[in-house]
Every structure is written in C-alpha cells, then in structure tokens.
Protein backbone atom coordinates (compact mmCIF):
# COMPACT_ATOMS: atom_id res chain seq x y z
CA MET A 1 -102.74 92.83 21.14
CA LYS A 2 -101.59 90.16 23.61
CA ASN A 3 -102.64 91.41 26.68
CA THR A 4 -106.17 92.84 25.13
CA ILE A 5 -107.09 89.30 24.30
CA THR A 6 -106.10 88.00 27.62
CA LEU A 7 -108.03 90.65 29.60
CA PHE A 8 -111.49 89.72 26.82
CA ALA A 9 -110.92 86.26 27.67
CA PHE A 10 -110.90 86.45 31.84
CA ILE A 11 -113.87 88.97 31.57
CA LEU A 12 -115.35 86.41 29.30
CA SER A 13 -114.81 83.61 31.74
CA PHE A 14 -115.69 85.75 34.61
CA THR A 15 -119.16 86.42 33.07
CA ILE A 16 -119.99 82.87 32.42
CA SER A 17 -118.90 81.96 35.89
CA PHE A 18 -121.32 84.57 37.19
CA ALA A 19 -124.25 84.02 34.84
CA GLN A 20 -124.00 80.03 36.00
CA LYS A 21 -123.39 80.73 40.05
CA THR A 22 -125.00 78.23 42.30
CA VAL A 23 -126.88 79.20 45.11
CA GLU A 24 -128.02 76.59 47.62
CA ALA A 25 -131.67 76.51 48.74
CA SER A 26 -130.84 76.28 52.47
CA GLU A 27 -129.60 79.70 51.93
CA ILE A 28 -132.89 80.87 50.64
CA LEU A 29 -134.38 79.24 52.96
CA ARG A 30 -132.73 80.75 55.68
CA ASP A 31 -133.33 84.52 54.25
CA ILE A 32 -136.66 84.10 53.99
CA LYS A 33 -136.59 82.84 57.49
CA ALA A 34 -135.19 86.27 58.47
CA GLY A 35 -137.85 88.08 56.95
CA LYS A 36 -135.22 89.20 53.65
CA SER A 37 -137.31 89.37 50.38
CA ILE A 38 -135.23 86.95 47.53
CA GLN A 39 -134.54 88.21 44.46
CA ILE A 40 -131.91 85.73 42.32
CA SER A 41 -131.20 86.06 38.62
CA ASN A 42 -129.23 83.73 36.83
CA ALA A 43 -128.84 81.02 39.05
CA THR A 44 -128.92 77.40 40.10
CA ILE A 45 -130.80 76.76 42.92
CA SER A 46 -128.91 73.68 44.59
CA GLY A 47 -130.86 71.43 46.63
CA VAL A 48 -134.54 70.78 47.85
CA LEU A 49 -136.33 74.08 48.11
CA ASP A 50 -138.93 73.36 50.72
CA LEU A 51 -140.90 76.67 51.61
CA THR A 52 -143.51 74.91 54.30
CA TYR A 53 -140.66 74.22 56.21
CA MET A 54 -141.66 70.82 57.16
CA ASN A 55 -138.82 69.32 59.30
CA GLU A 56 -138.59 72.66 61.10
CA ALA A 57 -142.43 72.43 62.07
CA LEU A 58 -142.46 68.86 63.18
CA PRO A 59 -140.64 68.03 65.85
CA LYS A 60 -143.07 71.14 67.78
CA LEU A 61 -146.28 68.65 66.61
CA PRO A 62 -148.60 66.42 68.53
CA LYS A 63 -148.95 63.28 67.63
CA ARG A 64 -151.82 62.87 64.79
CA LYS A 65 -153.92 60.56 67.34
CA LYS A 66 -153.86 62.48 70.19
CA TRP A 67 -154.35 65.72 68.51
CA TRP A 68 -157.41 64.92 65.58
CA ASN A 69 -159.32 63.15 68.23
CA ASN A 70 -159.15 66.43 69.95
CA GLY A 71 -160.31 68.09 66.37
CA GLY A 72 -157.18 69.23 65.37
CA SER A 73 -156.31 69.89 61.85
CA ASN A 74 -154.20 67.73 60.18
CA THR A 75 -152.96 70.34 57.81
CA ILE A 76 -149.75 73.07 58.42
CA GLU A 77 -149.78 75.95 57.26
CA LYS A 78 -146.66 78.17 56.82
CA GLN A 79 -147.02 82.04 55.59
CA ILE A 80 -144.51 83.23 53.33
CA THR A 81 -144.69 87.48 53.88
CA ASN A 82 -141.60 88.00 52.33
CA LYS A 83 -141.48 88.34 48.22
CA VAL A 84 -140.15 86.01 45.91
CA SER A 85 -138.67 86.08 42.97
CA PHE A 86 -136.31 83.95 40.92
CA THR A 87 -135.44 85.42 36.33
CA ASN A 88 -133.37 82.43 34.46
CA CYS A 89 -132.85 80.15 37.36
CA VAL A 90 -133.31 76.54 37.31
CA PHE A 91 -134.17 74.49 40.26
CA ASN A 92 -131.79 71.34 40.55
CA ASP A 93 -133.68 69.40 43.23
CA ASP A 94 -138.10 69.31 44.29
CA VAL A 95 -139.44 73.10 45.26
CA LEU A 96 -141.94 72.28 47.33
CA ALA A 97 -145.13 74.24 48.75
CA TYR A 98 -147.01 71.12 49.55
CA ILE A 99 -146.19 68.35 51.27
CA PRO A 100 -148.44 65.12 52.40
CA ASP A 101 -146.22 63.39 54.76
CA GLU A 102 -146.79 59.70 55.15
CA ASP A 103 -145.04 59.42 58.16
CA SER A 104 -146.64 62.12 60.74
CA GLY A 105 -149.98 62.07 58.52
CA TYR A 106 -149.09 65.73 58.62
CA THR A 107 -149.86 67.65 55.43
CA PHE A 108 -147.77 71.00 55.09
CA ILE A 109 -148.66 73.92 53.03
CA ALA A 110 -146.76 76.83 52.10
CA ASN A 111 -149.05 80.33 51.12
CA PHE A 112 -147.46 83.47 49.42
CA GLU A 113 -148.63 86.98 50.84
CA ASP A 114 -146.42 89.06 48.87
CA GLU A 115 -145.35 89.08 45.27
CA VAL A 116 -143.87 85.46 43.36
CA VAL A 117 -142.14 85.22 40.62
CA PHE A 118 -140.33 82.15 39.08
CA LYS A 119 -140.15 84.36 35.28
CA ASP A 120 -137.94 82.12 32.48
CA CYS A 121 -137.16 79.20 34.91
CA THR A 122 -136.79 75.42 34.73
CA PHE A 123 -137.94 72.95 37.03
CA GLU A 124 -135.84 70.42 36.81
CA HIS A 125 -137.65 68.34 39.25
CA LYS A 126 -141.14 68.27 41.23
CA ALA A 127 -142.76 71.48 41.53
CA MET A 128 -146.02 71.30 43.94
CA PHE A 129 -148.62 74.42 44.77
CA LYS A 130 -150.71 72.25 45.41
CA TYR A 131 -153.65 74.05 47.87
CA SER A 132 -151.45 76.97 47.77
CA ASP A 133 -152.52 80.80 48.29
CA PHE A 134 -151.31 83.04 46.19
CA GLU A 135 -152.27 86.95 47.58
CA ARG A 136 -150.21 88.92 45.63
CA ASN A 137 -149.45 89.09 41.73
CA ALA A 138 -147.81 86.29 40.67
CA ASP A 139 -145.36 85.38 37.63
CA PHE A 140 -144.79 81.86 35.87
CA SER A 141 -144.17 83.26 32.13
CA GLY A 142 -141.65 81.30 30.03
CA THR A 143 -141.28 78.65 32.71
CA LYS A 144 -140.53 75.24 31.98
CA PHE A 145 -141.80 72.58 34.28
CA LEU A 146 -139.83 69.03 33.22
CA GLU A 147 -141.43 67.14 36.12
CA ASP A 148 -144.85 66.46 38.27
CA SER A 149 -146.36 70.22 38.64
CA THR A 150 -149.42 71.14 40.41
CA PHE A 151 -151.38 73.98 41.37
CA LYS A 152 -154.90 71.78 41.83
CA TYR A 153 -156.87 73.84 44.28
CA ALA A 154 -154.10 76.69 44.32
CA LYS A 155 -155.91 80.18 44.70
CA PHE A 156 -154.56 83.31 42.93
CA ASP A 157 -156.23 86.69 44.35
CA LYS A 158 -154.56 89.25 41.82
CA ASN A 159 -152.68 89.29 38.74
CA ILE A 160 -151.01 85.53 37.34
CA THR A 161 -149.15 84.68 34.21
CA PHE A 162 -148.24 81.73 32.53
CA GLU A 163 -147.84 82.96 29.13
CA ASN A 164 -144.67 81.12 26.91
CA THR A 165 -144.98 78.05 29.61
CA HIS A 166 -143.62 74.55 28.61
CA PHE A 167 -145.03 71.28 30.98
CA ASP A 168 -143.59 68.25 29.48
CA GLU A 169 -145.38 66.10 31.95
CA PRO A 170 -149.38 66.36 33.45
CA ALA A 171 -150.06 69.70 34.57
CA THR A 172 -152.81 69.73 36.86
CA PHE A 173 -154.80 72.57 37.64
CA LYS A 174 -158.02 71.41 39.27
CA TYR A 175 -160.27 72.96 41.45
CA ALA A 176 -157.44 76.05 41.04
CA GLU A 177 -159.46 79.90 41.19
CA PHE A 178 -158.24 82.60 39.68
CA LYS A 179 -159.70 86.00 40.79
CA ARG A 180 -158.06 87.88 37.96
CA PHE A 181 -158.04 87.50 33.94
CA VAL A 182 -154.83 84.84 33.50
CA SER A 183 -153.00 84.05 30.60
CA PHE A 184 -151.54 80.66 29.39
CA LYS A 185 -150.93 82.44 26.16
CA ASN A 186 -148.02 80.48 23.27
CA SER A 187 -147.79 77.81 26.03
CA ILE A 188 -147.28 74.15 25.59
CA PHE A 189 -148.82 71.36 27.08
CA LYS A 190 -146.60 67.81 26.01
CA GLU A 191 -149.25 65.39 27.73
CA SER A 192 -152.84 65.70 29.69
CA ALA A 193 -153.68 69.17 30.80
CA ILE A 194 -156.13 69.46 33.98
CA PHE A 195 -158.60 72.19 34.52
CA LYS A 196 -161.47 69.75 35.86
CA TYR A 197 -163.58 72.68 38.47
CA SER A 198 -161.29 75.43 38.06
CA LYS A 199 -162.90 78.61 38.44
CA PHE A 200 -161.85 81.89 36.18
CA SER A 201 -163.37 84.72 37.51
CA ASP A 202 -162.35 87.41 35.18
CA GLY A 203 -161.24 85.68 31.82
CA VAL A 204 -158.38 83.33 30.79
CA SER A 205 -156.78 83.57 27.59
CA PHE A 206 -155.75 79.53 25.81
CA ASN A 207 -154.50 81.81 22.93
CA ASN A 208 -151.93 80.00 20.11
CA VAL A 209 -151.36 76.80 23.19
CA LYS A 210 -150.44 73.99 22.04
CA PHE A 211 -152.04 70.77 23.93
CA GLU A 212 -150.23 68.02 22.45
CA GLU A 213 -152.85 65.12 24.52
CA ASP A 214 -156.08 65.89 26.22
CA LEU A 215 -157.50 68.94 27.79
CA ASN A 216 -159.57 68.34 30.50
CA ILE A 217 -161.99 71.65 31.11
CA LYS A 218 -165.05 69.14 32.45
CA TYR A 219 -167.36 71.12 35.17
CA THR A 220 -164.89 74.04 34.30
CA LYS A 221 -166.38 78.07 34.60
CA VAL A 222 -165.48 81.10 33.32
CA SER A 223 -166.90 84.38 33.80
CA GLY A 224 -165.46 87.33 31.05
CA GLU A 225 -163.36 86.60 28.68
CA PHE A 226 -162.45 83.28 26.82
CA ASP A 227 -159.88 83.80 24.38
CA ILE A 228 -159.14 80.11 22.34
CA THR A 229 -157.59 81.30 19.22
CA ASN A 230 -155.56 79.73 17.09
CA MET A 231 -155.55 76.84 20.20
CA GLU A 232 -155.01 73.31 18.79
CA VAL A 233 -155.91 69.68 21.11
CA ALA A 234 -154.47 66.32 19.72
CA TYR A 235 -156.57 64.51 21.49
CA ASP A 236 -159.67 64.75 23.23
CA ILE A 237 -161.11 67.60 25.20
CA ASP A 238 -163.49 66.62 28.01
CA SER A 239 -166.53 69.84 28.42
CA LYS A 240 -168.88 67.84 30.51
CA TYR A 241 -170.12 70.71 32.22
CA THR A 242 -168.07 72.80 31.18
CA ASN A 243 -169.82 76.68 32.16
CA ILE A 244 -168.55 79.68 29.41
CA ASN A 245 -170.34 83.04 30.64
CA GLY A 246 -173.79 80.69 31.30
CA LYS A 247 -173.38 78.62 28.67
CA SER A 248 -171.67 75.13 27.62
CA PHE A 249 -168.69 74.79 25.38
CA SER A 250 -169.97 73.57 22.75
CA LYS A 251 -172.93 76.45 22.59
CA TYR A 252 -170.11 78.59 22.84
CA LEU A 253 -167.39 77.30 19.88
CA LEU A 254 -171.03 77.45 17.85
CA LYS A 255 -171.70 80.95 18.34
CA ASN A 256 -167.79 82.65 18.56
CA ARG A 257 -167.21 80.46 15.03
C-alpha cells in the first residue's frame, strides 16, 4: 500500500511539473526563424516574445533621415510564415507584433501568413497586434488580456473568434477589418471597448457580451448578421455614424425589438 501511495505521489508530482513547464520566448523565436511550426500547450512563456524581430533587424537598417529623405518607409514588416499555436499558456512578459521604436524612428510589425492560435491563454503584460495582417484562421477564444492590448488596424482575412475572451484593460479594435464573421460571444470588457471605424464584412456577434464601461462603435460598419442578444453596456454607447446594413444603430434597434 505504501509503495502504491509513493508511486501515485510521484506521478502526481510529475504531472503537475509537466503542466507548469516553462518555455523561453527566445527558444520560440529561434524555432520560428528556423521555419518550424509552433505548437505549445500548458506552458508558461518566459520573456518578451518579439515577433517583429526588431533587435535583429535594426543593425541592418539605414539611418532614418538619410533613408526617409529618399522616399523610404519607416515601417519594417516581418512575415511569419509558420503556424503559431498556443493553448492554455501564460505569457509572463510582453507579446509584441507591433513596436514603434522611438530611438530609431522605425515601426516594426509582424504579419501572419499561417494559422494563429492563442486559445485559453493569459497575457499578463502587453499584447500588441496593431497593423498585423492575419491571412489564415485566427483563434483568441477563452483568452485573458490582463494589461494593454490592441488590434488597431489589424486585418483578419479568414475565420476569427474572440469568444469567451476577457479584457481587463481598455481594448482597441479601432480601424480593424474582419472579412469573415467574427464572434465575441460571452466575452467581458472590464474597461472601454473601442471599435471605432471597425469594418465587419460578414457579420459580428456580441451575444451575451458584458461591456462594463463604455462601448465606442462610432463610424463602425457592419454587413451581415449583427447579433447583440443579451449584450450589456454599463455606461455609454457612442454609435454616431454607425452603419448596420445601411441603417443607423438606433434604427437597427427599433427594427429588431
């Protein structure tokens, strides 16, 4: 009996240790650079995950004044061609697909050519995806954003979901473009949610979404389904110039009561 208990304790300890494994962000970046698909589950990702590879690109870039005066661009884009998948992972530092570098004057952006998954994850610090292009399916369902997050100007070409997602800080989707239906069903926005100028080409669901502060959908354009069943907004909704299938937000509400 004693041996059985000891064996069980060892297996339990091993299981917990495995579930809490730590993966260095630098290792992931090396694998991406080597062309490997990333598929990590039940891990803590330690260190800054800079998907723009800014530090690698900077030494190769011309000085900004000389470059820009000759018609060059200050935006440097990194194409991530690998599949990137994280499930039930904790990121204990920044995850950056967007960096405006003040010292050099360059802006670094990461685009994703293959599938992107951040499912049931926790971003403990910044999650920056401003200007990123997602060319294949993307999944952020069940994920918690505990600090600043932005998808401003992001473009989603294929299927995308933010269902059951939790935003602790202001969440910015300003100017974001969704070419296919996107669902935020059951998500929680603890602070302001900004969808100003966002474009939904194939519908959007805010079913059972809790906006615990303001919702800004000013100038937002929606074509297709607009599901706001059981949606709750604690404070103000700014819907000036919002277009829901050719109708204003207020007229849409009157028609669908």
